[in-house]
PDB file of N, CA and C in Angstrom:
ATOM      1  N   MET A   1     -13.163 -12.856 -11.103  1.00  0.00           N
ATOM      2  CA  MET A   1     -12.998 -12.310  -9.777  1.00  0.00           C
ATOM      3  C   MET A   1     -12.454 -10.890  -9.899  1.00  0.00           C
ATOM      4  N   LYS A   2     -13.019  -9.989  -9.125  1.00  0.00           N
ATOM      5  CA  LYS A   2     -12.559  -8.600  -9.114  1.00  0.00           C
ATOM      6  C   LYS A   2     -11.338  -8.490  -8.208  1.00  0.00           C
ATOM      7  N   VAL A   3     -10.321  -7.789  -8.704  1.00  0.00           N
ATOM      8  CA  VAL A   3      -9.105  -7.558  -7.930  1.00  0.00           C
ATOM      9  C   VAL A   3      -8.940  -6.056  -7.762  1.00  0.00           C
ATOM     10  N   ILE A   4      -8.713  -5.635  -6.526  1.00  0.00           N
ATOM     11  CA  ILE A   4      -8.507  -4.218  -6.230  1.00  0.00           C
ATOM     12  C   ILE A   4      -7.118  -4.059  -5.615  1.00  0.00           C
ATOM     13  N   ARG A   5      -6.298  -3.189  -6.210  1.00  0.00           N
ATOM     14  CA  ARG A   5      -4.955  -2.919  -5.689  1.00  0.00           C
ATOM     15  C   ARG A   5      -4.997  -1.602  -4.919  1.00  0.00           C
ATOM     16  N   VAL A   6      -4.339  -1.622  -3.759  1.00  0.00           N
ATOM     17  CA  VAL A   6      -4.365  -0.443  -2.896  1.00  0.00           C
ATOM     18  C   VAL A   6      -2.996  -0.264  -2.243  1.00  0.00           C
ATOM     19  N   ASP A   7      -2.678   0.975  -1.887  1.00  0.00           N
ATOM     20  CA  ASP A   7      -1.446   1.269  -1.159  1.00  0.00           C
ATOM     21  C   ASP A   7      -1.617   0.733   0.262  1.00  0.00           C
ATOM     22  N   GLY A   8      -0.907  -0.331   0.579  1.00  0.00           N
ATOM     23  CA  GLY A   8      -1.041  -0.990   1.866  1.00  0.00           C
ATOM     24  C   GLY A   8      -0.551  -0.175   3.048  1.00  0.00           C
ATOM     25  N   ASN A   9       0.197   0.880   2.802  1.00  0.00           N
ATOM     26  CA  ASN A   9       0.684   1.734   3.884  1.00  0.00           C
ATOM     27  C   ASN A   9      -0.288   2.870   4.208  1.00  0.00           C
ATOM     28  N   ASP A  10      -1.332   3.000   3.413  1.00  0.00           N
ATOM     29  CA  ASP A  10      -2.334   4.050   3.622  1.00  0.00           C
ATOM     30  C   ASP A  10      -3.553   3.426   4.307  1.00  0.00           C
ATOM     31  N   VAL A  11      -3.678   3.640   5.600  1.00  0.00           N
ATOM     32  CA  VAL A  11      -4.746   3.026   6.394  1.00  0.00           C
ATOM     33  C   VAL A  11      -6.124   3.396   5.863  1.00  0.00           C
ATOM     34  N   PHE A  12      -6.314   4.642   5.492  1.00  0.00           N
ATOM     35  CA  PHE A  12      -7.627   5.093   5.033  1.00  0.00           C
ATOM     36  C   PHE A  12      -7.975   4.477   3.674  1.00  0.00           C
ATOM     37  N   ALA A  13      -6.987   4.351   2.795  1.00  0.00           N
ATOM     38  CA  ALA A  13      -7.231   3.718   1.497  1.00  0.00           C
ATOM     39  C   ALA A  13      -7.593   2.245   1.679  1.00  0.00           C
ATOM     40  N   VAL A  14      -6.887   1.552   2.555  1.00  0.00           N
ATOM     41  CA  VAL A  14      -7.184   0.143   2.818  1.00  0.00           C
ATOM     42  C   VAL A  14      -8.594   0.004   3.386  1.00  0.00           C
ATOM     43  N   TYR A  15      -8.957   0.879   4.304  1.00  0.00           N
ATOM     44  CA  TYR A  15     -10.301   0.849   4.893  1.00  0.00           C
ATOM     45  C   TYR A  15     -11.366   1.032   3.812  1.00  0.00           C
ATOM     46  N   ASN A  16     -11.193   2.044   2.960  1.00  0.00           N
ATOM     47  CA  ASN A  16     -12.184   2.332   1.915  1.00  0.00           C
ATOM     48  C   ASN A  16     -12.293   1.193   0.910  1.00  0.00           C
ATOM     49  N   VAL A  17     -11.168   0.611   0.525  1.00  0.00           N
ATOM     50  CA  VAL A  17     -11.185  -0.501  -0.422  1.00  0.00           C
ATOM     51  C   VAL A  17     -11.845  -1.726   0.206  1.00  0.00           C
ATOM     52  N   THR A  18     -11.561  -1.976   1.469  1.00  0.00           N
ATOM     53  CA  THR A  18     -12.181  -3.105   2.159  1.00  0.00           C
ATOM     54  C   THR A  18     -13.689  -2.920   2.256  1.00  0.00           C
ATOM     55  N   LYS A  19     -14.101  -1.703   2.537  1.00  0.00           N
ATOM     56  CA  LYS A  19     -15.527  -1.393   2.614  1.00  0.00           C
ATOM     57  C   LYS A  19     -16.204  -1.613   1.254  1.00  0.00           C
ATOM     58  N   ALA A  20     -15.552  -1.148   0.176  1.00  0.00           N
ATOM     59  CA  ALA A  20     -16.096  -1.326  -1.175  1.00  0.00           C
ATOM     60  C   ALA A  20     -16.131  -2.808  -1.559  1.00  0.00           C
ATOM     61  N   ALA A  21     -15.079  -3.541  -1.210  1.00  0.00           N
ATOM     62  CA  ALA A  21     -15.025  -4.975  -1.524  1.00  0.00           C
ATOM     63  C   ALA A  21     -16.126  -5.724  -0.787  1.00  0.00           C
ATOM     64  N   ARG A  22     -16.395  -5.341   0.435  1.00  0.00           N
ATOM     65  CA  ARG A  22     -17.465  -5.972   1.209  1.00  0.00           C
ATOM     66  C   ARG A  22     -18.820  -5.740   0.548  1.00  0.00           C
ATOM     67  N   GLU A  23     -19.042  -4.518   0.089  1.00  0.00           N
ATOM     68  CA  GLU A  23     -20.302  -4.209  -0.588  1.00  0.00           C
ATOM     69  C   GLU A  23     -20.465  -5.039  -1.866  1.00  0.00           C
ATOM     70  N   ILE A  24     -19.387  -5.168  -2.638  1.00  0.00           N
ATOM     71  CA  ILE A  24     -19.436  -5.972  -3.860  1.00  0.00           C
ATOM     72  C   ILE A  24     -19.741  -7.424  -3.521  1.00  0.00           C
ATOM     73  N   ALA A  25     -19.087  -7.939  -2.505  1.00  0.00           N
ATOM     74  CA  ALA A  25     -19.289  -9.338  -2.116  1.00  0.00           C
ATOM     75  C   ALA A  25     -20.720  -9.580  -1.638  1.00  0.00           C
ATOM     76  N   LEU A  26     -21.262  -8.660  -0.857  1.00  0.00           N
ATOM     77  CA  LEU A  26     -22.614  -8.848  -0.324  1.00  0.00           C
ATOM     78  C   LEU A  26     -23.708  -8.592  -1.357  1.00  0.00           C
ATOM     79  N   ASN A  27     -23.588  -7.513  -2.111  1.00  0.00           N
ATOM     80  CA  ASN A  27     -24.649  -7.118  -3.040  1.00  0.00           C
ATOM     81  C   ASN A  27     -24.633  -7.883  -4.357  1.00  0.00           C
ATOM     82  N   ARG A  28     -23.460  -8.251  -4.832  1.00  0.00           N
ATOM     83  CA  ARG A  28     -23.358  -8.923  -6.136  1.00  0.00           C
ATOM     84  C   ARG A  28     -23.004 -10.400  -6.014  1.00  0.00           C
ATOM     85  N   SER A  29     -22.766 -10.848  -4.798  1.00  0.00           N
ATOM     86  CA  SER A  29     -22.374 -12.255  -4.548  1.00  0.00           C
ATOM     87  C   SER A  29     -21.166 -12.659  -5.393  1.00  0.00           C
ATOM     88  N   ARG A  30     -20.187 -11.790  -5.441  1.00  0.00           N
ATOM     89  CA  ARG A  30     -18.948 -12.029  -6.206  1.00  0.00           C
ATOM     90  C   ARG A  30     -17.748 -11.983  -5.272  1.00  0.00           C
ATOM     91  N   PRO A  31     -16.751 -12.835  -5.536  1.00  0.00           N
ATOM     92  CA  PRO A  31     -15.531 -12.755  -4.723  1.00  0.00           C
ATOM     93  C   PRO A  31     -14.700 -11.534  -5.109  1.00  0.00           C
ATOM     94  N   VAL A  32     -13.978 -10.992  -4.158  1.00  0.00           N
ATOM     95  CA  VAL A  32     -13.113  -9.832  -4.390  1.00  0.00           C
ATOM     96  C   VAL A  32     -11.778 -10.094  -3.708  1.00  0.00           C
ATOM     97  N   MET A  33     -10.698  -9.836  -4.427  1.00  0.00           N
ATOM     98  CA  MET A  33      -9.363  -9.963  -3.841  1.00  0.00           C
ATOM     99  C   MET A  33      -8.778  -8.561  -3.683  1.00  0.00           C
ATOM    100  N   ILE A  34      -8.235  -8.285  -2.515  1.00  0.00           N
ATOM    101  CA  ILE A  34      -7.583  -7.005  -2.261  1.00  0.00           C
ATOM    102  C   ILE A  34      -6.079  -7.237  -2.233  1.00  0.00           C
ATOM    103  N   GLU A  35      -5.356  -6.524  -3.103  1.00  0.00           N
ATOM    104  CA  GLU A  35      -3.898  -6.604  -3.124  1.00  0.00           C
ATOM    105  C   GLU A  35      -3.353  -5.323  -2.495  1.00  0.00           C
ATOM    106  N   ALA A  36      -2.795  -5.445  -1.306  1.00  0.00           N
ATOM    107  CA  ALA A  36      -2.253  -4.286  -0.592  1.00  0.00           C
ATOM    108  C   ALA A  36      -0.752  -4.209  -0.859  1.00  0.00           C
ATOM    109  N   MET A  37      -0.353  -3.252  -1.663  1.00  0.00           N
ATOM    110  CA  MET A  37       1.052  -3.063  -2.024  1.00  0.00           C
ATOM    111  C   MET A  37       1.733  -2.238  -0.930  1.00  0.00           C
ATOM    112  N   THR A  38       2.841  -2.728  -0.411  1.00  0.00           N
ATOM    113  CA  THR A  38       3.567  -2.011   0.632  1.00  0.00           C
ATOM    114  C   THR A  38       5.012  -1.805   0.211  1.00  0.00           C
ATOM    115  N   TYR A  39       5.718  -0.983   0.943  1.00  0.00           N
ATOM    116  CA  TYR A  39       7.134  -0.748   0.691  1.00  0.00           C
ATOM    117  C   TYR A  39       7.834  -0.636   2.030  1.00  0.00           C
ATOM    118  N   ARG A  40       9.126  -0.810   2.003  1.00  0.00           N
ATOM    119  CA  ARG A  40       9.927  -0.710   3.222  1.00  0.00           C
ATOM    120  C   ARG A  40      10.919   0.431   3.074  1.00  0.00           C
ATOM    121  N   LEU A  41      11.261   1.043   4.181  1.00  0.00           N
ATOM    122  CA  LEU A  41      12.183   2.167   4.149  1.00  0.00           C
ATOM    123  C   LEU A  41      13.583   1.775   4.613  1.00  0.00           C
ATOM    124  N   ASP A  42      13.918   0.514   4.571  1.00  0.00           N
ATOM    125  CA  ASP A  42      15.219   0.026   5.006  1.00  0.00           C
ATOM    126  C   ASP A  42      16.125  -0.135   3.785  1.00  0.00           C
ATOM    127  N   ARG A  43      17.298   0.478   3.776  1.00  0.00           N
ATOM    128  CA  ARG A  43      18.202   0.412   2.625  1.00  0.00           C
ATOM    129  C   ARG A  43      18.609  -1.013   2.268  1.00  0.00           C
ATOM    130  N   VAL A  44      18.760  -1.855   3.258  1.00  0.00           N
ATOM    131  CA  VAL A  44      19.223  -3.220   3.010  1.00  0.00           C
ATOM    132  C   VAL A  44      18.231  -3.978   2.141  1.00  0.00           C
ATOM    133  N   LEU A  45      16.949  -3.664   2.270  1.00  0.00           N
ATOM    134  CA  LEU A  45      15.926  -4.389   1.542  1.00  0.00           C
ATOM    135  C   LEU A  45      15.645  -3.816   0.160  1.00  0.00           C
ATOM    136  N   TRP A  46      16.162  -2.643  -0.149  1.00  0.00           N
ATOM    137  CA  TRP A  46      15.938  -2.061  -1.470  1.00  0.00           C
ATOM    138  C   TRP A  46      16.848  -2.738  -2.471  1.00  0.00           C
ATOM    139  N   ARG A  47      16.320  -3.122  -3.607  1.00  0.00           N
ATOM    140  CA  ARG A  47      17.113  -3.803  -4.636  1.00  0.00           C
ATOM    141  C   ARG A  47      17.877  -2.806  -5.515  1.00  0.00           C
ATOM    142  N   VAL A  48      17.383  -1.590  -5.600  1.00  0.00           N
ATOM    143  CA  VAL A  48      18.025  -0.575  -6.421  1.00  0.00           C
ATOM    144  C   VAL A  48      18.900   0.283  -5.517  1.00  0.00           C
ATOM    145  N   PRO A  49      20.178   0.496  -5.873  1.00  0.00           N
ATOM    146  CA  PRO A  49      21.045   1.335  -5.032  1.00  0.00           C
ATOM    147  C   PRO A  49      20.487   2.749  -4.911  1.00  0.00           C
ATOM    148  N   LEU A  50      20.643   3.317  -3.747  1.00  0.00           N
ATOM    149  CA  LEU A  50      20.138   4.669  -3.509  1.00  0.00           C
ATOM    150  C   LEU A  50      21.024   5.709  -4.169  1.00  0.00           C
ATOM    151  N   SER A  51      20.411   6.673  -4.831  1.00  0.00           N
ATOM    152  CA  SER A  51      21.140   7.806  -5.381  1.00  0.00           C
ATOM    153  C   SER A  51      20.828   9.012  -4.501  1.00  0.00           C
ATOM    154  N   ASN A  52      21.382  10.151  -4.845  1.00  0.00           N
ATOM    155  CA  ASN A  52      21.097  11.356  -4.068  1.00  0.00           C
ATOM    156  C   ASN A  52      19.608  11.688  -4.077  1.00  0.00           C
ATOM    157  N   ASN A  53      18.951  11.483  -5.231  1.00  0.00           N
ATOM    158  CA  ASN A  53      17.513  11.756  -5.327  1.00  0.00           C
ATOM    159  C   ASN A  53      16.720  10.788  -4.460  1.00  0.00           C
ATOM    160  N   SER A  54      17.106   9.526  -4.462  1.00  0.00           N
ATOM    161  CA  SER A  54      16.398   8.537  -3.651  1.00  0.00           C
ATOM    162  C   SER A  54      16.570   8.839  -2.171  1.00  0.00           C
ATOM    163  N   HIS A  55      17.741   9.370  -1.811  1.00  0.00           N
ATOM    164  CA  HIS A  55      17.979   9.685  -0.400  1.00  0.00           C
ATOM    165  C   HIS A  55      17.038  10.786   0.067  1.00  0.00           C
ATOM    166  N   SER A  56      16.810  11.790  -0.783  1.00  0.00           N
ATOM    167  CA  SER A  56      15.894  12.857  -0.397  1.00  0.00           C
ATOM    168  C   SER A  56      14.469  12.326  -0.327  1.00  0.00           C
ATOM    169  N   LEU A  57      14.102  11.378  -1.215  1.00  0.00           N
ATOM    170  CA  LEU A  57      12.786  10.767  -1.159  1.00  0.00           C
ATOM    171  C   LEU A  57      12.645   9.966   0.128  1.00  0.00           C
ATOM    172  N   GLU A  58      13.691   9.235   0.480  1.00  0.00           N
ATOM    173  CA  GLU A  58      13.668   8.450   1.714  1.00  0.00           C
ATOM    174  C   GLU A  58      13.487   9.370   2.922  1.00  0.00           C
ATOM    175  N   SER A  59      14.189  10.496   2.949  1.00  0.00           N
ATOM    176  CA  SER A  59      14.056  11.443   4.060  1.00  0.00           C
ATOM    177  C   SER A  59      12.640  11.988   4.136  1.00  0.00           C
ATOM    178  N   THR A  60      12.052  12.294   2.991  1.00  0.00           N
ATOM    179  CA  THR A  60      10.686  12.795   2.955  1.00  0.00           C
ATOM    180  C   THR A  60       9.716  11.759   3.485  1.00  0.00           C
ATOM    181  N   LEU A  61       9.875  10.515   3.034  1.00  0.00           N
ATOM    182  CA  LEU A  61       8.979   9.459   3.459  1.00  0.00           C
ATOM    183  C   LEU A  61       9.125   9.155   4.953  1.00  0.00           C
ATOM    184  N   LYS A  62      10.353   9.175   5.450  1.00  0.00           N
ATOM    185  CA  LYS A  62      10.558   8.886   6.870  1.00  0.00           C
ATOM    186  C   LYS A  62       9.902   9.950   7.737  1.00  0.00           C
ATOM    187  N   GLY A  63       9.773  11.163   7.228  1.00  0.00           N
ATOM    188  CA  GLY A  63       9.125  12.203   7.999  1.00  0.00           C
ATOM    189  C   GLY A  63       7.618  12.063   8.030  1.00  0.00           C
ATOM    190  N   SER A  64       7.036  11.359   7.045  1.00  0.00           N
ATOM    191  CA  SER A  64       5.580  11.285   6.979  1.00  0.00           C
ATOM    192  C   SER A  64       5.020   9.903   7.251  1.00  0.00           C
ATOM    193  N   VAL A  65       5.864   8.881   7.319  1.00  0.00           N
ATOM    194  CA  VAL A  65       5.384   7.514   7.506  1.00  0.00           C
ATOM    195  C   VAL A  65       5.976   6.947   8.779  1.00  0.00           C
ATOM    196  N   ARG A  66       5.140   6.393   9.616  1.00  0.00           N
ATOM    197  CA  ARG A  66       5.639   5.747  10.826  1.00  0.00           C
ATOM    198  C   ARG A  66       6.025   4.324  10.509  1.00  0.00           C
ATOM    199  N   VAL A  67       7.247   3.970  10.876  1.00  0.00           N
ATOM    200  CA  VAL A  67       7.741   2.621  10.637  1.00  0.00           C
ATOM    201  C   VAL A  67       7.841   1.922  11.980  1.00  0.00           C
ATOM    202  N   ALA A  68       7.178   0.776  12.087  1.00  0.00           N
ATOM    203  CA  ALA A  68       7.176   0.035  13.353  1.00  0.00           C
ATOM    204  C   ALA A  68       8.455  -0.756  13.504  1.00  0.00           C
TER     205      ALA A  68
END
């Protein structure tokens, strides 16, 4: 079985991978598994303590990623 890993927070990447997986399934009659890797921006859920560098990364990500 083919496995495709994709950034689950990137809508366009998920769309493209899903489209490719559909083509593989239809044209080659093979199963495809999509693994959508995601991350959370909540400090409580992070297992690694935040350092000053991680805080700046978190600030950067919060500016570019919408969190529901």
